[in-house]
Amino acid sequence: MTSHELGEATKKAEFDRLMTAATVFRRRGDYGQATQTIKQALQIFPDDIAAREFAADMIYAHGNLEKAAEHYKSILEAEPGRASAEEKYAKAILELSEGERQRGLMKLMVENPGKFRPIQPKNAGIAVLLTLAPGLGHIYCGQYVKGIAIFGVWLLACVLFMFSLDPGAGVAQRVTTASVISACVAGSIQIYALLSAAQAAEKTKSGKDKDPSEPQ
């Protein structure tokens, strides 16, 4: 064996020793020592893919997702199709995206604190009782726009019913086709509002009324 071959063999043995030691430190949860050890291994073979991926894992473990993603990307450029690096790269990118979303939400909450409030559980019985005037049950459950819209349409149907009656006929003959249609519309709205308000109240109890990340 030549001196060059002997030197390479020595370097390889030291590299393997450092890789093994780094793995042991990582299993023990000593990421600081594992990071230092893998850096020493990379000084011997800086292009070794396994060592580079190990180093990227340590960066990820320390919470530097952006830098870890960059390292995983460079590994994939050097060795396309490396499954372990692909999976870790995708995971880092997803966590970065979620982090951006959470930061955006926190910023919105800080800038607009009045738009975010917890959903208070509502009583379904009260919601149904209030729906004697359709829409009020929805307003009680926090669905203001929907409640006002239902009340407006119901009120319009009632007004049309009154105006469509024939004032010159007897009591039995005052009902007209238009008044029947208006009464049916008002009745349908009443039934829908009763069922919908009760459902809206139940959803507030289960926390499913709306996404907590959406401003109310």
N, C-alpha and C. Protein backbone atom coordinates (compact mmCIF):
# COMPACT_ATOMS: atom_id res chain seq x y z
N MET A 1 0.85 -1.19 0.00
CA MET A 1 0.00 0.00 0.00
C MET A 1 0.88 1.24 0.00
N THR A 2 0.63 2.13 -0.90
CA THR A 2 1.42 3.36 -1.01
C THR A 2 1.05 4.29 0.13
N SER A 3 1.92 5.31 0.30
CA SER A 3 1.66 6.28 1.37
C SER A 3 0.36 7.04 1.11
N HIS A 4 0.08 7.28 -0.19
CA HIS A 4 -1.16 7.99 -0.54
C HIS A 4 -2.38 7.14 -0.17
N GLU A 5 -2.33 5.88 -0.52
CA GLU A 5 -3.44 4.98 -0.21
C GLU A 5 -3.60 4.84 1.30
N LEU A 6 -2.47 4.82 2.00
CA LEU A 6 -2.51 4.72 3.45
C LEU A 6 -3.16 5.96 4.06
N GLY A 7 -2.80 7.12 3.46
CA GLY A 7 -3.38 8.37 3.94
C GLY A 7 -4.88 8.41 3.72
N GLU A 8 -5.33 7.94 2.55
CA GLU A 8 -6.77 7.93 2.23
C GLU A 8 -7.52 6.97 3.14
N ALA A 9 -6.88 5.84 3.42
CA ALA A 9 -7.51 4.86 4.30
C ALA A 9 -7.66 5.43 5.71
N THR A 10 -6.63 6.15 6.15
CA THR A 10 -6.68 6.77 7.48
C THR A 10 -7.78 7.82 7.56
N LYS A 11 -7.86 8.63 6.49
CA LYS A 11 -8.92 9.65 6.44
C LYS A 11 -10.30 9.00 6.46
N LYS A 12 -10.45 7.92 5.70
CA LYS A 12 -11.75 7.24 5.64
C LYS A 12 -12.11 6.65 7.01
N ALA A 13 -11.13 6.10 7.69
CA ALA A 13 -11.39 5.52 9.00
C ALA A 13 -11.79 6.61 10.00
N GLU A 14 -11.11 7.75 9.94
CA GLU A 14 -11.44 8.86 10.84
C GLU A 14 -12.82 9.42 10.52
N PHE A 15 -13.12 9.52 9.22
CA PHE A 15 -14.44 10.00 8.79
C PHE A 15 -15.54 9.07 9.31
N ASP A 16 -15.35 7.79 9.16
CA ASP A 16 -16.34 6.82 9.63
C ASP A 16 -16.51 6.91 11.14
N ARG A 17 -15.41 7.12 11.84
CA ARG A 17 -15.47 7.23 13.30
C ARG A 17 -16.29 8.45 13.71
N LEU A 18 -16.05 9.56 13.02
CA LEU A 18 -16.78 10.79 13.33
C LEU A 18 -18.27 10.66 13.00
N MET A 19 -18.58 10.00 11.89
CA MET A 19 -19.98 9.79 11.51
C MET A 19 -20.71 8.94 12.56
N THR A 20 -20.01 7.91 13.03
CA THR A 20 -20.60 7.04 14.05
C THR A 20 -20.81 7.81 15.35
N ALA A 21 -19.81 8.61 15.71
CA ALA A 21 -19.91 9.40 16.95
C ALA A 21 -21.05 10.41 16.84
N ALA A 22 -21.18 11.07 15.67
CA ALA A 22 -22.25 12.05 15.47
C ALA A 22 -23.62 11.40 15.59
N THR A 23 -23.73 10.20 15.05
CA THR A 23 -25.00 9.45 15.14
C THR A 23 -25.34 9.12 16.58
N VAL A 24 -24.35 8.74 17.35
CA VAL A 24 -24.57 8.42 18.77
C VAL A 24 -25.02 9.66 19.53
N PHE A 25 -24.35 10.78 19.27
CA PHE A 25 -24.73 12.03 19.95
C PHE A 25 -26.17 12.42 19.59
N ARG A 26 -26.55 12.24 18.33
CA ARG A 26 -27.90 12.60 17.92
C ARG A 26 -28.94 11.71 18.63
N ARG A 27 -28.63 10.42 18.73
CA ARG A 27 -29.56 9.51 19.40
C ARG A 27 -29.72 9.86 20.87
N ARG A 28 -28.67 10.43 21.45
CA ARG A 28 -28.74 10.84 22.85
C ARG A 28 -29.44 12.18 23.02
N GLY A 29 -29.72 12.85 21.92
CA GLY A 29 -30.34 14.16 21.98
C GLY A 29 -29.36 15.29 22.16
N ASP A 30 -28.08 15.00 22.05
CA ASP A 30 -27.03 16.02 22.20
C ASP A 30 -26.73 16.60 20.81
N TYR A 31 -27.62 17.47 20.34
CA TYR A 31 -27.49 18.00 18.99
C TYR A 31 -26.30 18.95 18.84
N GLY A 32 -25.94 19.61 19.93
CA GLY A 32 -24.78 20.50 19.86
C GLY A 32 -23.50 19.74 19.56
N GLN A 33 -23.27 18.65 20.30
CA GLN A 33 -22.07 17.84 20.09
C GLN A 33 -22.14 17.13 18.74
N ALA A 34 -23.34 16.70 18.35
CA ALA A 34 -23.50 16.03 17.06
C ALA A 34 -23.14 16.99 15.92
N THR A 35 -23.54 18.26 16.08
CA THR A 35 -23.24 19.26 15.05
C THR A 35 -21.74 19.49 14.94
N GLN A 36 -21.07 19.62 16.07
CA GLN A 36 -19.63 19.82 16.05
C GLN A 36 -18.91 18.63 15.41
N THR A 37 -19.38 17.44 15.73
CA THR A 37 -18.73 16.23 15.20
C THR A 37 -18.92 16.10 13.70
N ILE A 38 -20.12 16.40 13.22
CA ILE A 38 -20.37 16.28 11.78
C ILE A 38 -19.60 17.34 11.00
N LYS A 39 -19.36 18.49 11.61
CA LYS A 39 -18.53 19.52 10.97
C LYS A 39 -17.10 19.01 10.78
N GLN A 40 -16.62 18.29 11.77
CA GLN A 40 -15.28 17.72 11.66
C GLN A 40 -15.23 16.68 10.54
N ALA A 41 -16.29 15.90 10.43
CA ALA A 41 -16.34 14.89 9.37
C ALA A 41 -16.36 15.55 7.99
N LEU A 42 -17.08 16.65 7.87
CA LEU A 42 -17.17 17.35 6.58
C LEU A 42 -15.85 18.02 6.20
N GLN A 43 -15.02 18.30 7.19
CA GLN A 43 -13.70 18.84 6.87
C GLN A 43 -12.84 17.80 6.16
N ILE A 44 -13.13 16.55 6.43
CA ILE A 44 -12.38 15.47 5.78
C ILE A 44 -12.94 15.19 4.38
N PHE A 45 -14.25 15.01 4.29
CA PHE A 45 -14.90 14.77 3.00
C PHE A 45 -16.09 15.73 2.85
N PRO A 46 -15.82 16.94 2.41
CA PRO A 46 -16.87 17.97 2.33
C PRO A 46 -17.99 17.65 1.35
N ASP A 47 -17.74 16.76 0.39
CA ASP A 47 -18.77 16.45 -0.61
C ASP A 47 -19.56 15.19 -0.31
N ASP A 48 -19.30 14.58 0.82
CA ASP A 48 -20.02 13.36 1.14
C ASP A 48 -21.50 13.67 1.38
N ILE A 49 -22.38 13.05 0.61
CA ILE A 49 -23.81 13.34 0.65
C ILE A 49 -24.42 12.99 1.99
N ALA A 50 -24.05 11.83 2.54
CA ALA A 50 -24.61 11.41 3.83
C ALA A 50 -24.24 12.40 4.93
N ALA A 51 -22.99 12.86 4.92
CA ALA A 51 -22.56 13.82 5.93
C ALA A 51 -23.26 15.17 5.75
N ARG A 52 -23.43 15.58 4.50
CA ARG A 52 -24.14 16.84 4.24
C ARG A 52 -25.59 16.77 4.69
N GLU A 53 -26.21 15.62 4.47
CA GLU A 53 -27.61 15.47 4.90
C GLU A 53 -27.69 15.46 6.43
N PHE A 54 -26.73 14.81 7.05
CA PHE A 54 -26.69 14.79 8.52
C PHE A 54 -26.57 16.22 9.05
N ALA A 55 -25.69 17.01 8.42
CA ALA A 55 -25.50 18.40 8.85
C ALA A 55 -26.79 19.20 8.66
N ALA A 56 -27.49 18.96 7.54
CA ALA A 56 -28.76 19.63 7.31
C ALA A 56 -29.79 19.24 8.36
N ASP A 57 -29.76 17.97 8.78
CA ASP A 57 -30.67 17.50 9.83
C ASP A 57 -30.42 18.26 11.14
N MET A 58 -29.16 18.52 11.43
CA MET A 58 -28.82 19.24 12.65
C MET A 58 -29.29 20.70 12.58
N ILE A 59 -29.16 21.28 11.40
CA ILE A 59 -29.66 22.66 11.21
C ILE A 59 -31.17 22.69 11.41
N TYR A 60 -31.84 21.68 10.87
CA TYR A 60 -33.29 21.56 11.02
C TYR A 60 -33.66 21.38 12.51
N ALA A 61 -32.89 20.55 13.20
CA ALA A 61 -33.17 20.28 14.61
C ALA A 61 -33.01 21.53 15.47
N HIS A 62 -32.15 22.44 15.04
CA HIS A 62 -31.94 23.69 15.78
C HIS A 62 -32.99 24.74 15.40
N GLY A 63 -33.91 24.39 14.50
CA GLY A 63 -35.02 25.29 14.18
C GLY A 63 -34.80 26.24 13.03
N ASN A 64 -33.65 26.14 12.36
CA ASN A 64 -33.39 27.03 11.23
C ASN A 64 -33.94 26.37 9.96
N LEU A 65 -35.25 26.46 9.77
CA LEU A 65 -35.90 25.74 8.68
C LEU A 65 -35.46 26.25 7.31
N GLU A 66 -35.31 27.55 7.18
CA GLU A 66 -34.94 28.12 5.89
C GLU A 66 -33.57 27.64 5.44
N LYS A 67 -32.61 27.68 6.36
CA LYS A 67 -31.26 27.24 6.02
C LYS A 67 -31.23 25.74 5.75
N ALA A 68 -31.99 24.98 6.55
CA ALA A 68 -32.05 23.53 6.35
C ALA A 68 -32.64 23.20 4.97
N ALA A 69 -33.68 23.93 4.59
CA ALA A 69 -34.30 23.71 3.27
C ALA A 69 -33.30 23.98 2.15
N GLU A 70 -32.49 25.01 2.33
CA GLU A 70 -31.47 25.33 1.32
C GLU A 70 -30.47 24.19 1.19
N HIS A 71 -30.07 23.61 2.32
CA HIS A 71 -29.11 22.51 2.30
C HIS A 71 -29.72 21.26 1.66
N TYR A 72 -30.98 20.96 2.00
CA TYR A 72 -31.63 19.79 1.39
C TYR A 72 -31.75 19.98 -0.12
N LYS A 73 -32.04 21.20 -0.53
CA LYS A 73 -32.16 21.49 -1.96
C LYS A 73 -30.82 21.28 -2.67
N SER A 74 -29.74 21.73 -2.06
CA SER A 74 -28.42 21.57 -2.67
C SER A 74 -28.03 20.09 -2.73
N ILE A 75 -28.46 19.32 -1.75
CA ILE A 75 -28.19 17.88 -1.76
C ILE A 75 -28.92 17.22 -2.93
N LEU A 76 -30.18 17.63 -3.14
CA LEU A 76 -30.96 17.07 -4.24
C LEU A 76 -30.39 17.47 -5.60
N GLU A 77 -29.79 18.65 -5.66
CA GLU A 77 -29.15 19.07 -6.91
C GLU A 77 -27.91 18.21 -7.19
N ALA A 78 -27.22 17.82 -6.11
CA ALA A 78 -26.02 16.99 -6.26
C ALA A 78 -26.39 15.53 -6.51
N GLU A 79 -27.50 15.09 -5.91
CA GLU A 79 -27.94 13.71 -6.07
C GLU A 79 -29.46 13.68 -6.25
N PRO A 80 -29.93 13.95 -7.45
CA PRO A 80 -31.39 13.95 -7.70
C PRO A 80 -32.01 12.60 -7.37
N GLY A 81 -33.21 12.65 -6.80
CA GLY A 81 -33.91 11.41 -6.49
C GLY A 81 -33.57 10.81 -5.15
N ARG A 82 -32.76 11.49 -4.34
CA ARG A 82 -32.44 10.98 -3.00
C ARG A 82 -33.70 11.11 -2.14
N ALA A 83 -34.34 10.00 -1.86
CA ALA A 83 -35.67 10.00 -1.24
C ALA A 83 -35.67 10.66 0.13
N SER A 84 -34.68 10.37 0.96
CA SER A 84 -34.66 10.93 2.32
C SER A 84 -34.56 12.45 2.28
N ALA A 85 -33.72 12.97 1.38
CA ALA A 85 -33.56 14.42 1.28
C ALA A 85 -34.82 15.06 0.70
N GLU A 86 -35.47 14.39 -0.25
CA GLU A 86 -36.71 14.91 -0.84
C GLU A 86 -37.79 15.06 0.23
N GLU A 87 -37.92 14.03 1.06
CA GLU A 87 -38.95 14.05 2.11
C GLU A 87 -38.68 15.17 3.12
N LYS A 88 -37.44 15.31 3.52
CA LYS A 88 -37.09 16.34 4.50
C LYS A 88 -37.22 17.74 3.91
N TYR A 89 -36.87 17.88 2.64
CA TYR A 89 -36.99 19.18 1.98
C TYR A 89 -38.45 19.60 1.91
N ALA A 90 -39.33 18.65 1.54
CA ALA A 90 -40.75 18.94 1.44
C ALA A 90 -41.32 19.31 2.82
N LYS A 91 -40.89 18.60 3.85
CA LYS A 91 -41.36 18.87 5.20
C LYS A 91 -40.93 20.26 5.66
N ALA A 92 -39.68 20.63 5.37
CA ALA A 92 -39.18 21.95 5.75
C ALA A 92 -39.94 23.06 5.04
N ILE A 93 -40.23 22.86 3.75
CA ILE A 93 -40.96 23.87 2.98
C ILE A 93 -42.38 24.02 3.54
N LEU A 94 -43.03 22.91 3.87
CA LEU A 94 -44.39 22.97 4.42
C LEU A 94 -44.40 23.71 5.76
N GLU A 95 -43.41 23.43 6.60
CA GLU A 95 -43.35 24.11 7.89
C GLU A 95 -43.06 25.59 7.73
N LEU A 96 -42.24 25.94 6.75
CA LEU A 96 -41.98 27.35 6.47
C LEU A 96 -43.26 28.05 6.04
N SER A 97 -44.05 27.39 5.17
CA SER A 97 -45.30 27.98 4.69
C SER A 97 -46.29 28.16 5.83
N GLU A 98 -46.38 27.15 6.70
CA GLU A 98 -47.29 27.24 7.84
C GLU A 98 -46.84 28.33 8.79
N GLY A 99 -45.53 28.46 8.96
CA GLY A 99 -45.00 29.51 9.82
C GLY A 99 -45.35 30.89 9.29
N GLU A 100 -45.26 31.07 7.97
CA GLU A 100 -45.62 32.35 7.36
C GLU A 100 -47.10 32.63 7.58
N ARG A 101 -47.94 31.59 7.44
CA ARG A 101 -49.38 31.77 7.64
C ARG A 101 -49.69 32.18 9.07
N GLN A 102 -49.02 31.52 10.03
CA GLN A 102 -49.25 31.83 11.44
C GLN A 102 -48.78 33.24 11.77
N ARG A 103 -47.64 33.64 11.19
CA ARG A 103 -47.14 35.00 11.45
C ARG A 103 -48.09 36.05 10.88
N GLY A 104 -48.65 35.74 9.69
CA GLY A 104 -49.61 36.66 9.09
C GLY A 104 -50.86 36.77 9.94
N LEU A 105 -51.31 35.64 10.47
CA LEU A 105 -52.50 35.64 11.32
C LEU A 105 -52.24 36.41 12.61
N MET A 106 -51.07 36.20 13.22
CA MET A 106 -50.75 36.92 14.45
C MET A 106 -50.67 38.42 14.21
N LYS A 107 -50.11 38.81 13.07
CA LYS A 107 -50.02 40.23 12.74
C LYS A 107 -51.40 40.83 12.58
N LEU A 108 -52.29 40.07 11.92
CA LEU A 108 -53.67 40.54 11.72
C LEU A 108 -54.39 40.67 13.05
N MET A 109 -54.16 39.72 13.97
CA MET A 109 -54.81 39.77 15.27
C MET A 109 -54.31 40.95 16.10
N VAL A 110 -53.01 41.24 15.99
CA VAL A 110 -52.44 42.37 16.73
C VAL A 110 -52.96 43.69 16.18
N GLU A 111 -53.05 43.78 14.85
CA GLU A 111 -53.49 45.02 14.22
C GLU A 111 -55.00 45.23 14.31
N ASN A 112 -55.76 44.11 14.41
CA ASN A 112 -57.22 44.21 14.45
C ASN A 112 -57.77 43.36 15.60
N PRO A 113 -57.45 43.69 16.84
CA PRO A 113 -57.88 42.85 17.96
C PRO A 113 -59.39 42.75 18.10
N GLY A 114 -60.12 43.79 17.68
CA GLY A 114 -61.57 43.78 17.81
C GLY A 114 -62.26 42.80 16.90
N LYS A 115 -61.59 42.36 15.86
CA LYS A 115 -62.20 41.44 14.90
C LYS A 115 -62.08 39.99 15.31
N PHE A 116 -61.33 39.74 16.36
CA PHE A 116 -61.11 38.35 16.80
C PHE A 116 -61.64 38.18 18.22
N ARG A 117 -62.58 37.33 18.37
CA ARG A 117 -63.12 37.04 19.69
C ARG A 117 -63.59 35.60 19.72
N PRO A 118 -63.51 34.95 20.87
CA PRO A 118 -63.94 33.55 20.94
C PRO A 118 -65.44 33.42 20.71
N ILE A 119 -65.86 32.29 20.15
CA ILE A 119 -67.27 32.03 19.90
C ILE A 119 -67.90 31.53 21.20
N GLN A 120 -68.91 32.26 21.70
CA GLN A 120 -69.58 31.87 22.91
C GLN A 120 -70.69 30.87 22.58
N PRO A 121 -70.78 29.76 23.32
CA PRO A 121 -71.85 28.79 23.07
C PRO A 121 -73.22 29.42 23.21
N LYS A 122 -74.12 29.10 22.31
CA LYS A 122 -75.47 29.65 22.32
C LYS A 122 -76.49 28.56 22.62
N ASN A 123 -77.62 28.96 23.21
CA ASN A 123 -78.69 28.04 23.56
C ASN A 123 -79.62 27.87 22.37
N ALA A 124 -79.80 26.61 21.93
CA ALA A 124 -80.64 26.34 20.76
C ALA A 124 -82.09 26.73 21.01
N GLY A 125 -82.58 26.54 22.25
CA GLY A 125 -83.96 26.90 22.58
C GLY A 125 -84.22 28.39 22.42
N ILE A 126 -83.27 29.19 22.90
CA ILE A 126 -83.42 30.64 22.77
C ILE A 126 -83.37 31.05 21.31
N ALA A 127 -82.46 30.41 20.55
CA ALA A 127 -82.35 30.73 19.13
C ALA A 127 -83.65 30.45 18.39
N VAL A 128 -84.29 29.30 18.72
CA VAL A 128 -85.56 28.94 18.08
C VAL A 128 -86.66 29.91 18.50
N LEU A 129 -86.71 30.28 19.79
CA LEU A 129 -87.72 31.21 20.28
C LEU A 129 -87.60 32.57 19.59
N LEU A 130 -86.38 33.03 19.44
CA LEU A 130 -86.17 34.33 18.78
C LEU A 130 -86.56 34.28 17.32
N THR A 131 -86.55 33.07 16.73
CA THR A 131 -86.85 32.92 15.31
C THR A 131 -88.35 33.04 15.03
N LEU A 132 -89.16 33.34 16.07
CA LEU A 132 -90.55 33.72 15.81
C LEU A 132 -90.55 34.95 14.90
N ALA A 133 -89.49 35.73 15.00
CA ALA A 133 -89.22 36.77 14.00
C ALA A 133 -87.99 36.27 13.26
N PRO A 134 -88.17 35.60 12.11
CA PRO A 134 -87.06 34.95 11.40
C PRO A 134 -85.86 35.87 11.22
N GLY A 135 -84.68 35.32 11.55
CA GLY A 135 -83.44 36.07 11.42
C GLY A 135 -82.85 36.47 12.75
N LEU A 136 -83.73 36.69 13.76
CA LEU A 136 -83.22 37.11 15.07
C LEU A 136 -82.42 35.99 15.73
N GLY A 137 -82.81 34.73 15.48
CA GLY A 137 -82.06 33.61 16.02
C GLY A 137 -80.65 33.55 15.47
N HIS A 138 -80.50 33.86 14.19
CA HIS A 138 -79.17 33.88 13.58
C HIS A 138 -78.33 35.03 14.12
N ILE A 139 -78.96 36.17 14.32
CA ILE A 139 -78.24 37.31 14.89
C ILE A 139 -77.77 36.96 16.30
N TYR A 140 -78.60 36.28 17.07
CA TYR A 140 -78.24 35.82 18.42
C TYR A 140 -77.01 34.90 18.37
N CYS A 141 -76.90 34.08 17.30
CA CYS A 141 -75.78 33.15 17.15
C CYS A 141 -74.56 33.79 16.51
N GLY A 142 -74.63 35.08 16.24
CA GLY A 142 -73.47 35.79 15.68
C GLY A 142 -73.44 35.85 14.17
N GLN A 143 -74.46 35.30 13.50
CA GLN A 143 -74.52 35.34 12.03
C GLN A 143 -75.34 36.56 11.61
N TYR A 144 -74.73 37.72 11.77
CA TYR A 144 -75.45 38.98 11.61
C TYR A 144 -75.95 39.22 10.19
N VAL A 145 -75.08 39.04 9.22
CA VAL A 145 -75.47 39.31 7.83
C VAL A 145 -76.59 38.37 7.40
N LYS A 146 -76.43 37.09 7.72
CA LYS A 146 -77.44 36.10 7.35
C LYS A 146 -78.76 36.39 8.05
N GLY A 147 -78.68 36.73 9.34
CA GLY A 147 -79.89 37.02 10.10
C GLY A 147 -80.65 38.21 9.55
N ILE A 148 -79.94 39.28 9.24
CA ILE A 148 -80.58 40.47 8.70
C ILE A 148 -81.20 40.17 7.33
N ALA A 149 -80.50 39.38 6.53
CA ALA A 149 -81.02 39.04 5.19
C ALA A 149 -82.31 38.22 5.31
N ILE A 150 -82.33 37.22 6.21
CA ILE A 150 -83.52 36.39 6.40
C ILE A 150 -84.69 37.25 6.89
N PHE A 151 -84.42 38.11 7.86
CA PHE A 151 -85.49 38.96 8.40
C PHE A 151 -86.04 39.90 7.31
N GLY A 152 -85.14 40.44 6.50
CA GLY A 152 -85.57 41.37 5.45
C GLY A 152 -86.47 40.69 4.42
N VAL A 153 -86.07 39.48 3.98
CA VAL A 153 -86.87 38.76 2.98
C VAL A 153 -88.22 38.34 3.58
N TRP A 154 -88.20 37.88 4.83
CA TRP A 154 -89.45 37.47 5.50
C TRP A 154 -90.40 38.66 5.65
N LEU A 155 -89.84 39.79 6.07
CA LEU A 155 -90.67 40.99 6.26
C LEU A 155 -91.26 41.45 4.93
N LEU A 156 -90.47 41.38 3.87
CA LEU A 156 -90.96 41.77 2.54
C LEU A 156 -92.10 40.86 2.10
N ALA A 157 -91.96 39.55 2.36
CA ALA A 157 -93.02 38.60 1.99
C ALA A 157 -94.30 38.90 2.77
N CYS A 158 -94.17 39.27 4.04
CA CYS A 158 -95.35 39.61 4.85
C CYS A 158 -96.04 40.87 4.33
N VAL A 159 -95.24 41.86 3.97
CA VAL A 159 -95.79 43.11 3.43
C VAL A 159 -96.52 42.85 2.12
N LEU A 160 -95.90 42.04 1.25
CA LEU A 160 -96.54 41.71 -0.03
C LEU A 160 -97.84 40.94 0.18
N PHE A 161 -97.86 40.08 1.20
CA PHE A 161 -99.09 39.35 1.51
C PHE A 161 -100.22 40.31 1.88
N MET A 162 -99.92 41.27 2.74
CA MET A 162 -100.93 42.23 3.17
C MET A 162 -101.45 43.06 2.01
N PHE A 163 -100.55 43.51 1.15
CA PHE A 163 -100.95 44.37 0.05
C PHE A 163 -101.63 43.61 -1.09
N SER A 164 -101.41 42.30 -1.16
CA SER A 164 -102.01 41.51 -2.24
C SER A 164 -103.43 41.03 -1.92
N LEU A 165 -103.88 41.25 -0.69
CA LEU A 165 -105.27 40.90 -0.36
C LEU A 165 -106.22 41.83 -1.07
N ASP A 166 -107.39 41.32 -1.44
CA ASP A 166 -108.40 42.13 -2.14
C ASP A 166 -109.28 42.82 -1.10
N PRO A 167 -109.12 44.13 -0.90
CA PRO A 167 -109.87 44.83 0.14
C PRO A 167 -111.36 44.96 -0.16
N GLY A 168 -111.76 44.80 -1.40
CA GLY A 168 -113.17 44.98 -1.74
C GLY A 168 -113.99 43.73 -1.63
N ALA A 169 -113.41 42.59 -1.34
CA ALA A 169 -114.14 41.33 -1.28
C ALA A 169 -114.44 40.96 0.16
N GLY A 170 -115.22 39.89 0.32
CA GLY A 170 -115.52 39.39 1.65
C GLY A 170 -114.28 38.75 2.26
N VAL A 171 -114.44 38.35 3.50
CA VAL A 171 -113.30 37.79 4.22
C VAL A 171 -112.74 36.58 3.50
N ALA A 172 -113.59 35.68 3.06
CA ALA A 172 -113.13 34.46 2.39
C ALA A 172 -112.61 34.73 1.00
N GLN A 173 -113.13 35.78 0.37
CA GLN A 173 -112.74 36.06 -1.01
C GLN A 173 -111.54 37.01 -1.12
N ARG A 174 -111.05 37.51 -0.01
CA ARG A 174 -109.95 38.49 -0.05
C ARG A 174 -108.62 37.85 -0.46
N VAL A 175 -108.49 36.55 -0.25
CA VAL A 175 -107.23 35.86 -0.58
C VAL A 175 -107.07 35.78 -2.09
N THR A 176 -105.91 36.23 -2.57
CA THR A 176 -105.62 36.19 -4.00
C THR A 176 -104.45 35.25 -4.25
N THR A 177 -104.18 35.00 -5.53
CA THR A 177 -103.04 34.13 -5.88
C THR A 177 -101.73 34.71 -5.35
N ALA A 178 -101.57 36.04 -5.52
CA ALA A 178 -100.35 36.70 -5.07
C ALA A 178 -100.19 36.58 -3.56
N SER A 179 -101.33 36.70 -2.83
CA SER A 179 -101.25 36.61 -1.37
C SER A 179 -100.88 35.20 -0.93
N VAL A 180 -101.39 34.19 -1.64
CA VAL A 180 -101.04 32.80 -1.32
C VAL A 180 -99.55 32.55 -1.52
N ILE A 181 -99.03 33.03 -2.65
CA ILE A 181 -97.60 32.86 -2.93
C ILE A 181 -96.76 33.55 -1.86
N SER A 182 -97.14 34.78 -1.49
CA SER A 182 -96.40 35.52 -0.47
C SER A 182 -96.44 34.80 0.86
N ALA A 183 -97.63 34.24 1.20
CA ALA A 183 -97.76 33.51 2.47
C ALA A 183 -96.89 32.26 2.47
N CYS A 184 -96.84 31.57 1.33
CA CYS A 184 -96.00 30.37 1.23
C CYS A 184 -94.52 30.71 1.39
N VAL A 185 -94.11 31.83 0.77
CA VAL A 185 -92.71 32.26 0.88
C VAL A 185 -92.37 32.60 2.34
N ALA A 186 -93.27 33.37 2.99
CA ALA A 186 -93.04 33.75 4.38
C ALA A 186 -92.99 32.51 5.28
N GLY A 187 -93.90 31.55 5.03
CA GLY A 187 -93.92 30.33 5.83
C GLY A 187 -92.66 29.49 5.64
N SER A 188 -92.21 29.40 4.39
CA SER A 188 -91.00 28.63 4.09
C SER A 188 -89.78 29.24 4.78
N ILE A 189 -89.72 30.57 4.74
CA ILE A 189 -88.61 31.26 5.41
C ILE A 189 -88.65 31.01 6.91
N GLN A 190 -89.87 31.01 7.47
CA GLN A 190 -90.03 30.77 8.90
C GLN A 190 -89.50 29.38 9.28
N ILE A 191 -89.88 28.38 8.52
CA ILE A 191 -89.45 27.01 8.81
C ILE A 191 -87.93 26.87 8.66
N TYR A 192 -87.40 27.43 7.55
CA TYR A 192 -85.95 27.36 7.33
C TYR A 192 -85.20 28.05 8.47
N ALA A 193 -85.70 29.23 8.88
CA ALA A 193 -85.01 29.99 9.93
C ALA A 193 -85.01 29.23 11.25
N LEU A 194 -86.12 28.56 11.57
CA LEU A 194 -86.19 27.77 12.80
C LEU A 194 -85.12 26.67 12.82
N LEU A 195 -85.06 25.91 11.74
CA LEU A 195 -84.10 24.80 11.67
C LEU A 195 -82.66 25.30 11.62
N SER A 196 -82.44 26.33 10.82
CA SER A 196 -81.09 26.84 10.64
C SER A 196 -80.55 27.50 11.91
N ALA A 197 -81.41 28.22 12.63
CA ALA A 197 -80.97 28.88 13.86
C ALA A 197 -80.58 27.86 14.92
N ALA A 198 -81.40 26.79 15.03
CA ALA A 198 -81.08 25.74 16.00
C ALA A 198 -79.73 25.08 15.66
N GLN A 199 -79.52 24.86 14.37
CA GLN A 199 -78.26 24.24 13.93
C GLN A 199 -77.08 25.17 14.20
N ALA A 200 -77.28 26.47 13.96
CA ALA A 200 -76.20 27.44 14.20
C ALA A 200 -75.84 27.48 15.68
N ALA A 201 -76.84 27.38 16.56
CA ALA A 201 -76.58 27.39 18.00
C ALA A 201 -75.79 26.16 18.42
N GLU A 202 -76.15 25.00 17.86
CA GLU A 202 -75.43 23.76 18.19
C GLU A 202 -73.98 23.83 17.73
N LYS A 203 -73.75 24.45 16.60
CA LYS A 203 -72.38 24.56 16.09
C LYS A 203 -71.50 25.41 16.99
N THR A 204 -72.08 26.42 17.64
CA THR A 204 -71.27 27.24 18.54
C THR A 204 -70.81 26.43 19.74
N LYS A 205 -71.59 25.40 20.12
CA LYS A 205 -71.20 24.56 21.25
C LYS A 205 -70.06 23.62 20.90
N SER A 206 -70.03 23.19 19.63
CA SER A 206 -68.98 22.26 19.20
C SER A 206 -67.78 22.96 18.63
N GLY A 207 -67.84 24.29 18.54
CA GLY A 207 -66.71 25.05 17.99
C GLY A 207 -66.61 24.97 16.49
N LYS A 208 -67.68 24.53 15.81
CA LYS A 208 -67.64 24.36 14.36
C LYS A 208 -68.34 25.49 13.62
N ASP A 209 -68.71 26.54 14.33
CA ASP A 209 -69.46 27.61 13.68
C ASP A 209 -68.67 28.25 12.58
N LYS A 210 -67.33 28.41 12.79
CA LYS A 210 -66.47 28.93 11.75
C LYS A 210 -65.03 28.72 12.15
N ASP A 211 -64.16 28.87 11.19
CA ASP A 211 -62.73 28.70 11.42
C ASP A 211 -62.24 29.76 12.41
N PRO A 212 -61.61 29.37 13.54
CA PRO A 212 -61.15 30.35 14.51
C PRO A 212 -60.14 31.33 13.93
N SER A 213 -59.50 30.99 12.83
CA SER A 213 -58.53 31.90 12.23
C SER A 213 -59.18 32.98 11.41
N GLU A 214 -60.52 32.90 11.23
CA GLU A 214 -61.21 33.91 10.44
C GLU A 214 -61.77 34.96 11.39
N PRO A 215 -61.62 36.25 11.04
CA PRO A 215 -62.19 37.30 11.88
C PRO A 215 -63.70 37.26 11.83
N GLN A 216 -64.36 37.55 12.95
CA GLN A 216 -65.82 37.57 12.97
C GLN A 216 -66.31 38.96 12.66
